[in-house]
């Protein structure tokens, strides 16, 4: 059965990701919280107060149930009364403001009509944008995408730019990455290709992040830079509460609230009408929170 195959693989990937992040942090370990509800079960794994990672969460869930009216509206479901869904979702909030926030999600959704699709992606939210690191990050994602389809990166990169966008602020959440949804898996060939693609994304996620974490975790910072980190975390909260599809799906499907809101940072600030100083690193970062930037060819 496809659902059993994907569920087993995603659960194993969750454990691998946690093990790699624990080793990279060098102090704290993930705490596993198994939960079970009428609609399904999951493993919420959380690391807190590490050497370099302030909070990391790696969620796995496998759920099924009746398609609600709110799900039909938000997911544009025309036919189908029952669904099955499984996936991994992860977020990492670092201690050091020069280490970025990162997010990864891979998921599979199936209706009792036989319609099924994959979704997911990786994106990066630096508190301070380093152009060279942003270029490297996008090159890594493009390499993965190109192995499966040369159209994946440009299409999914644009999708991420448009999805991770705070329209009320007119700024992107970070430097984007790749995002995709509704990638249908009717035939065995398309199913295997997309399933393997999501697996490779999940495998690359800790490797890519650990590279950035290792490079920047010991960079010296000031209280001013720590306060800026908290302001940028506030923007992250705004996006997740106002726009994030996964948050909305979790609430609409009567999911586990503690797991749904694990993406929130441990501490965030909002300052009225904050305006960075002209020529500052903060001003430069704000100037780069735009759609359609060619990060791969960005000059350092």
Protein backbone atom coordinates (compact mmCIF):
# COMPACT_ATOMS: atom_id res chain seq x y z
CA UNK A 1 0.00 0.00 0.00
CA UNK A 2 1.29 3.44 -0.94
CA UNK A 3 0.13 5.07 2.29
CA UNK A 4 2.05 2.53 4.41
CA UNK A 5 5.19 2.90 2.27
CA UNK A 6 5.21 6.69 2.52
CA UNK A 7 4.34 6.72 6.21
CA UNK A 8 7.23 4.37 7.04
CA UNK A 9 9.73 6.35 4.95
CA UNK A 10 8.73 9.75 6.32
CA UNK A 11 8.89 8.51 9.91
CA UNK A 12 12.40 7.13 9.31
CA UNK A 13 13.47 10.43 7.73
CA UNK A 14 12.18 12.31 10.77
CA UNK A 15 14.42 10.22 13.04
CA UNK A 16 17.45 10.71 10.75
CA UNK A 17 16.97 14.49 10.69
CA UNK A 18 16.74 14.66 14.47
CA UNK A 19 19.88 12.58 14.92
CA UNK A 20 21.89 14.81 12.58
CA UNK A 21 20.70 18.02 14.24
CA UNK A 22 21.47 16.66 17.72
CA UNK A 23 25.02 15.82 16.66
CA UNK A 24 25.47 19.25 15.10
CA UNK A 25 24.21 21.11 18.17
CA UNK A 26 26.32 19.06 20.55
CA UNK A 27 24.29 19.61 23.70
CA UNK A 28 20.53 19.11 23.74
CA UNK A 29 18.59 16.08 22.58
CA UNK A 30 15.19 15.83 20.95
CA UNK A 31 12.30 14.90 23.22
CA UNK A 32 9.77 12.63 21.54
CA UNK A 33 6.09 13.21 22.19
CA UNK A 34 3.89 10.51 20.67
CA UNK A 35 0.28 11.52 20.21
CA UNK A 36 -2.81 9.72 19.01
CA UNK A 37 -6.23 11.09 18.16
CA UNK A 38 -9.29 9.73 16.43
CA UNK A 39 -8.01 11.02 13.10
CA UNK A 40 -4.56 9.46 13.37
CA UNK A 41 -1.22 9.68 15.13
CA UNK A 42 2.12 11.39 15.04
CA UNK A 43 5.48 12.01 16.66
CA UNK A 44 6.34 15.54 17.72
CA UNK A 45 10.08 15.83 18.34
CA UNK A 46 11.44 18.98 19.98
CA UNK A 47 14.93 20.20 20.87
CA UNK A 48 15.27 23.28 23.10
CA UNK A 49 18.06 25.37 24.61
CA UNK A 50 20.92 23.74 22.77
CA UNK A 51 24.42 25.09 22.24
CA UNK A 52 23.55 26.64 18.88
CA UNK A 53 19.87 25.83 18.39
CA UNK A 54 17.40 27.66 20.57
CA UNK A 55 14.44 25.62 19.34
CA UNK A 56 14.01 22.94 16.70
CA UNK A 57 10.96 20.88 15.93
CA UNK A 58 10.50 17.97 13.56
CA UNK A 59 6.91 16.82 13.24
CA UNK A 60 5.63 13.62 11.68
CA UNK A 61 1.95 12.81 11.32
CA UNK A 62 -0.28 10.28 9.60
CA UNK A 63 -3.96 11.20 9.62
CA UNK A 64 -7.18 10.37 7.82
CA UNK A 65 -10.81 11.32 8.07
CA UNK A 66 -13.74 13.05 6.46
CA UNK A 67 -13.18 16.01 4.16
CA UNK A 68 -14.66 19.06 5.89
CA UNK A 69 -16.26 22.01 4.13
CA UNK A 70 -13.40 24.28 5.19
CA UNK A 71 -10.90 21.81 3.70
CA UNK A 72 -12.88 21.78 0.44
CA UNK A 73 -12.70 25.55 0.27
CA UNK A 74 -9.06 26.01 1.27
CA UNK A 75 -7.72 23.06 -0.75
CA UNK A 76 -10.11 23.39 -3.71
CA UNK A 77 -11.35 19.81 -3.35
CA UNK A 78 -14.16 19.18 -5.82
CA UNK A 79 -14.73 15.45 -5.31
CA UNK A 80 -13.94 13.13 -2.44
CA UNK A 81 -15.38 12.58 1.01
CA UNK A 82 -12.43 10.90 2.79
CA UNK A 83 -8.73 11.73 2.87
CA UNK A 84 -5.38 10.37 4.01
CA UNK A 85 -2.39 12.63 4.67
CA UNK A 86 1.12 12.09 5.97
CA UNK A 87 4.21 14.25 6.11
CA UNK A 88 7.15 15.79 7.92
CA UNK A 89 7.41 19.43 8.88
CA UNK A 90 10.44 21.01 10.52
CA UNK A 91 11.52 24.42 11.80
CA UNK A 92 14.79 25.56 13.36
CA UNK A 93 15.27 28.78 15.33
CA UNK A 94 18.96 29.37 16.11
CA UNK A 95 20.49 31.30 18.99
CA UNK A 96 22.89 33.38 16.92
CA UNK A 97 21.26 36.13 14.78
CA UNK A 98 23.77 35.43 12.00
CA UNK A 99 22.43 31.89 11.61
CA UNK A 100 19.18 31.78 9.60
CA UNK A 101 15.81 30.31 10.46
CA UNK A 102 14.95 27.38 8.21
CA UNK A 103 11.83 25.41 7.39
CA UNK A 104 11.21 22.17 5.51
CA UNK A 105 8.08 20.22 4.72
CA UNK A 106 7.27 17.18 2.61
CA UNK A 107 3.80 15.71 2.47
CA UNK A 108 1.46 13.34 0.65
CA UNK A 109 -2.31 13.75 0.36
CA UNK A 110 -4.77 11.23 -1.05
CA UNK A 111 -8.54 11.27 -1.56
CA UNK A 112 -10.85 8.27 -1.71
CA UNK A 113 -11.47 9.15 -5.37
CA UNK A 114 -7.92 8.04 -6.14
CA UNK A 115 -6.60 11.55 -6.63
CA UNK A 116 -3.25 11.97 -4.87
CA UNK A 117 -0.52 14.56 -4.78
CA UNK A 118 2.77 15.55 -3.15
CA UNK A 119 3.82 18.93 -1.79
CA UNK A 120 6.60 20.50 0.19
CA UNK A 121 9.82 22.45 -0.07
CA UNK A 122 12.64 24.15 1.81
CA UNK A 123 13.03 27.85 2.51
CA UNK A 124 15.51 30.01 4.39
CA UNK A 125 14.83 33.11 6.51
CA UNK A 126 18.07 34.89 7.42
CA UNK A 127 17.91 37.59 10.05
CA UNK A 128 20.80 39.16 8.14
CA UNK A 129 21.05 38.26 4.47
CA UNK A 130 24.47 37.07 3.31
CA UNK A 131 24.39 37.16 -0.50
CA UNK A 132 27.08 34.52 -0.92
CA UNK A 133 25.30 32.10 1.41
CA UNK A 134 21.95 32.82 -0.25
CA UNK A 135 23.47 31.99 -3.63
CA UNK A 136 24.98 28.75 -2.31
CA UNK A 137 21.65 27.74 -0.73
CA UNK A 138 19.75 28.20 -3.99
CA UNK A 139 22.42 26.36 -5.98
CA UNK A 140 22.06 23.37 -3.65
CA UNK A 141 18.30 23.31 -4.21
CA UNK A 142 18.67 23.71 -7.97
CA UNK A 143 21.05 20.73 -8.10
CA UNK A 144 18.45 18.54 -6.40
CA UNK A 145 15.65 19.80 -8.63
CA UNK A 146 17.61 19.44 -11.89
CA UNK A 147 18.25 15.75 -11.19
CA UNK A 148 14.51 15.13 -11.54
CA UNK A 149 13.33 17.85 -13.94
CA UNK A 150 15.02 21.00 -15.27
CA UNK A 151 11.72 22.87 -14.90
CA UNK A 152 11.41 22.14 -11.19
CA UNK A 153 13.75 24.81 -9.84
CA UNK A 154 12.48 27.87 -11.79
CA UNK A 155 8.84 26.91 -11.25
CA UNK A 156 9.19 25.96 -7.58
CA UNK A 157 11.48 28.92 -6.82
CA UNK A 158 8.87 31.32 -8.19
CA UNK A 159 6.18 29.45 -6.26
CA UNK A 160 8.17 29.96 -3.05
CA UNK A 161 8.63 33.69 -3.77
CA UNK A 162 4.89 34.10 -4.12
CA UNK A 163 3.92 31.81 -1.27
CA UNK A 164 6.33 33.04 1.41
CA UNK A 165 5.20 36.64 0.99
CA UNK A 166 3.71 38.97 3.58
CA UNK A 167 1.48 41.05 1.36
CA UNK A 168 0.53 43.36 4.24
CA UNK A 169 4.24 44.19 4.64
CA UNK A 170 5.11 43.95 0.94
CA UNK A 171 8.11 41.80 1.78
CA UNK A 172 9.11 38.17 1.43
CA UNK A 173 9.56 36.10 4.58
CA UNK A 174 13.21 35.50 3.69
CA UNK A 175 15.19 34.50 0.62
CA UNK A 176 12.70 31.81 -0.35
CA UNK A 177 13.84 28.48 -1.70
CA UNK A 178 11.50 26.02 -3.37
CA UNK A 179 7.85 25.34 -2.71
CA UNK A 180 5.41 23.08 -4.53
CA UNK A 181 1.97 21.61 -4.03
CA UNK A 182 -0.62 19.57 -5.93
CA UNK A 183 2.02 17.56 -7.80
CA UNK A 184 -0.26 14.74 -8.85
CA UNK A 185 0.84 11.13 -8.65
CA UNK A 186 -1.50 9.06 -10.83
CA UNK A 187 0.89 6.71 -12.60
CA UNK A 188 3.50 4.54 -10.92
CA UNK A 189 6.27 6.45 -12.72
CA UNK A 190 5.12 9.87 -11.54
CA UNK A 191 4.49 8.53 -8.05
CA UNK A 192 7.99 7.09 -7.69
CA UNK A 193 9.60 10.21 -9.14
CA UNK A 194 7.79 12.61 -6.83
CA UNK A 195 8.11 10.37 -3.80
CA UNK A 196 11.86 10.11 -4.34
CA UNK A 197 12.07 13.88 -4.89
CA UNK A 198 10.47 14.57 -1.51
CA UNK A 199 12.78 12.03 0.09
CA UNK A 200 15.86 13.77 -1.35
CA UNK A 201 14.61 17.14 -0.09
CA UNK A 202 14.21 15.78 3.43
CA UNK A 203 17.67 14.20 3.31
CA UNK A 204 19.30 17.42 2.06
CA UNK A 205 17.61 19.60 4.66
CA UNK A 206 19.86 18.87 7.69
CA UNK A 207 23.02 18.76 5.55
CA UNK A 208 22.34 22.21 4.09
CA UNK A 209 21.38 23.74 7.39
CA UNK A 210 24.27 22.27 9.35
CA UNK A 211 26.67 23.85 6.84
CA UNK A 212 25.23 27.30 7.59
CA UNK A 213 24.98 26.62 11.32
CA UNK A 214 28.60 25.49 11.59
CA UNK A 215 29.86 28.50 9.65
CA UNK A 216 28.03 31.14 11.69
CA UNK A 217 27.23 29.76 15.14
CA UNK A 218 30.23 31.40 16.82
CA UNK A 219 29.96 34.80 15.11
CA UNK A 220 30.00 37.56 17.72
CA UNK A 221 26.83 39.63 18.02
CA UNK A 222 25.52 42.57 20.00
CA UNK A 223 22.29 43.21 21.90
CA UNK A 224 21.18 45.38 18.98
CA UNK A 225 21.57 42.44 16.60
CA UNK A 226 19.75 40.12 19.01
CA UNK A 227 16.84 42.58 19.15
CA UNK A 228 16.75 42.65 15.34
CA UNK A 229 16.54 38.85 15.36
CA UNK A 230 13.46 39.07 17.58
CA UNK A 231 11.83 41.58 15.23
CA UNK A 232 12.42 39.28 12.26
CA UNK A 233 10.97 36.40 14.27
CA UNK A 234 7.87 38.55 14.69
CA UNK A 235 7.49 38.66 10.92
CA UNK A 236 7.80 34.87 10.91
CA UNK A 237 4.92 34.61 13.38
CA UNK A 238 2.80 36.94 11.25
CA UNK A 239 3.26 34.75 8.19
CA UNK A 240 2.51 31.49 9.97
CA UNK A 241 -0.67 32.78 11.57
CA UNK A 242 -2.01 34.67 8.57
CA UNK A 243 -0.92 32.75 5.48
CA UNK A 244 0.59 29.35 6.15
CA UNK A 245 -1.42 26.53 4.54
CA UNK A 246 -0.09 23.88 6.92
CA UNK A 247 -1.25 25.84 9.95
CA UNK A 248 -4.68 26.33 8.40
CA UNK A 249 -4.95 22.64 7.41
CA UNK A 250 -3.99 21.54 10.92
CA UNK A 251 -6.67 23.72 12.47
CA UNK A 252 -9.33 22.86 9.86
CA UNK A 253 -8.69 19.12 10.28
CA UNK A 254 -8.91 19.33 14.08
CA UNK A 255 -5.22 18.59 14.40
CA UNK A 256 -3.09 18.67 17.53
CA UNK A 257 -2.68 22.31 18.51
CA UNK A 258 0.66 21.92 20.32
CA UNK A 259 2.18 20.38 17.20
CA UNK A 260 0.61 22.93 14.85
CA UNK A 261 2.13 25.89 16.69
CA UNK A 262 5.57 24.38 17.23
CA UNK A 263 6.87 26.52 14.38
CA UNK A 264 6.63 29.61 16.57
CA UNK A 265 9.90 31.06 17.86
CA UNK A 266 10.65 30.93 21.60
CA UNK A 267 10.80 34.74 21.76
CA UNK A 268 9.68 37.42 19.29
CA UNK A 269 9.19 41.19 19.39
CA UNK A 270 7.09 43.82 17.67
CA UNK A 271 8.28 47.41 17.76
CA UNK A 272 6.03 50.21 16.57
CA UNK A 273 7.09 51.72 13.23
CA UNK A 274 10.64 50.39 13.39
CA UNK A 275 12.88 52.03 10.79
CA UNK A 276 16.47 50.83 10.36
CA UNK A 277 19.32 53.30 10.09
CA UNK A 278 20.40 54.35 6.62
CA UNK A 279 23.27 52.20 5.40
CA UNK A 280 22.85 49.59 8.15
CA UNK A 281 22.91 45.81 7.80
CA UNK A 282 19.25 45.83 8.83
CA UNK A 283 18.34 48.21 6.00
CA UNK A 284 20.24 46.08 3.49
CA UNK A 285 18.36 42.96 4.58
CA UNK A 286 14.99 44.71 4.20
CA UNK A 287 15.98 45.87 0.71
CA UNK A 288 16.54 42.23 -0.33
CA UNK A 289 13.21 40.88 0.88
CA UNK A 290 11.78 40.97 -2.63
CA UNK A 291 10.32 38.50 -5.11
CA UNK A 292 12.09 37.32 -8.25
CA UNK A 293 15.67 37.90 -7.12
CA UNK A 294 18.15 35.73 -9.05
CA UNK A 295 19.98 34.48 -5.98
CA UNK A 296 22.11 31.98 -7.89
CA UNK A 297 23.79 34.72 -9.90
CA UNK A 298 23.80 37.24 -7.06
CA UNK A 299 27.13 38.99 -6.61
CA UNK A 300 28.63 38.55 -3.16
